[in-house]
Amino acid sequence: MFNDQFSWPEGEKIVYLRPPKEEYNGKLHSFYSPDLFPELEPLKVNWKGIRDEVREFERKNGVLSKH
């Protein structure tokens, strides 16, 4: 179903939308195989530690802005 290599479709543009209007009407698939993004492996492996670090920071310094 997925290729080993990602190829950006010709004429496709990157569009950044902020909530609450989150929609995408382009040609790209909604989801891609995680195998296409091996550089994200450290986040996958360490997400609980990252979460705990943010929680500890917020405990000491206040909640991070959601904006």
Protein backbone atom coordinates (compact mmCIF):
# COMPACT_ATOMS: atom_id res chain seq x y z
CA MET A 1 0.00 0.00 0.00
CA PHE A 2 2.85 2.42 0.78
CA ASN A 3 5.99 3.14 -1.18
CA ASP A 4 9.40 3.04 0.44
CA GLN A 5 10.09 6.57 -0.77
CA PHE A 6 7.90 9.63 -0.38
CA SER A 7 7.32 11.74 -3.47
CA TRP A 8 5.67 15.16 -3.18
CA PRO A 9 2.85 15.45 -5.76
CA GLU A 10 3.43 18.02 -8.48
CA GLY A 11 1.53 21.23 -7.83
CA GLU A 12 0.80 20.33 -4.18
CA LYS A 13 1.27 23.18 -1.69
CA ILE A 14 1.89 23.09 2.04
CA VAL A 15 -0.94 24.77 3.92
CA TYR A 16 -0.91 25.32 7.67
CA LEU A 17 -4.30 25.58 9.35
CA ARG A 18 -4.98 26.31 12.99
CA PRO A 19 -7.83 24.74 14.95
CA PRO A 20 -10.78 24.66 14.87
CA LYS A 21 -10.61 24.59 11.04
CA GLU A 22 -8.53 21.54 10.37
CA GLU A 23 -9.20 20.10 6.97
CA TYR A 24 -7.14 18.97 4.04
CA ASN A 25 -8.39 18.69 0.48
CA GLY A 26 -5.13 17.93 -1.30
CA LYS A 27 -3.84 14.87 -3.09
CA LEU A 28 -1.77 13.41 -0.25
CA HIS A 29 -2.89 10.43 1.83
CA SER A 30 -4.17 11.15 5.34
CA PHE A 31 -1.72 8.72 6.96
CA TYR A 32 1.70 7.39 6.04
CA SER A 33 3.64 4.39 7.19
CA PRO A 34 5.87 5.23 10.18
CA ASP A 35 8.64 3.41 8.29
CA LEU A 36 8.84 6.47 6.02
CA PHE A 37 9.98 8.58 8.98
CA PRO A 38 12.80 6.71 10.76
CA GLU A 39 14.09 10.01 12.20
CA LEU A 40 11.03 10.04 14.50
CA GLU A 41 12.02 6.77 16.21
CA PRO A 42 13.54 8.58 19.25
CA LEU A 43 10.16 10.28 19.87
CA LYS A 44 8.33 6.96 19.60
CA VAL A 45 10.71 5.24 22.01
CA ASN A 46 10.97 8.10 24.51
CA TRP A 47 7.50 9.68 24.49
CA LYS A 48 6.76 8.89 28.13
CA GLY A 49 10.00 10.49 29.30
CA ILE A 50 9.31 13.55 27.14
CA ARG A 51 5.78 13.77 28.59
CA ASP A 52 7.11 13.48 32.13
CA GLU A 53 9.74 16.15 31.45
CA VAL A 54 7.04 18.57 30.21
CA ARG A 55 4.87 17.80 33.23
CA GLU A 56 7.77 18.47 35.59
CA PHE A 57 8.55 21.74 33.79
CA GLU A 58 4.90 22.79 34.07
CA ARG A 59 4.81 21.84 37.74
CA LYS A 60 7.76 24.16 38.41
CA ASN A 61 6.99 26.95 35.91
CA GLY A 62 3.30 26.87 35.10
CA VAL A 63 1.35 25.38 32.21
CA LEU A 64 2.76 25.85 28.72
CA SER A 65 0.65 28.05 26.46
CA LYS A 66 -1.76 26.27 24.15
CA HIS A 67 -1.49 29.02 21.52
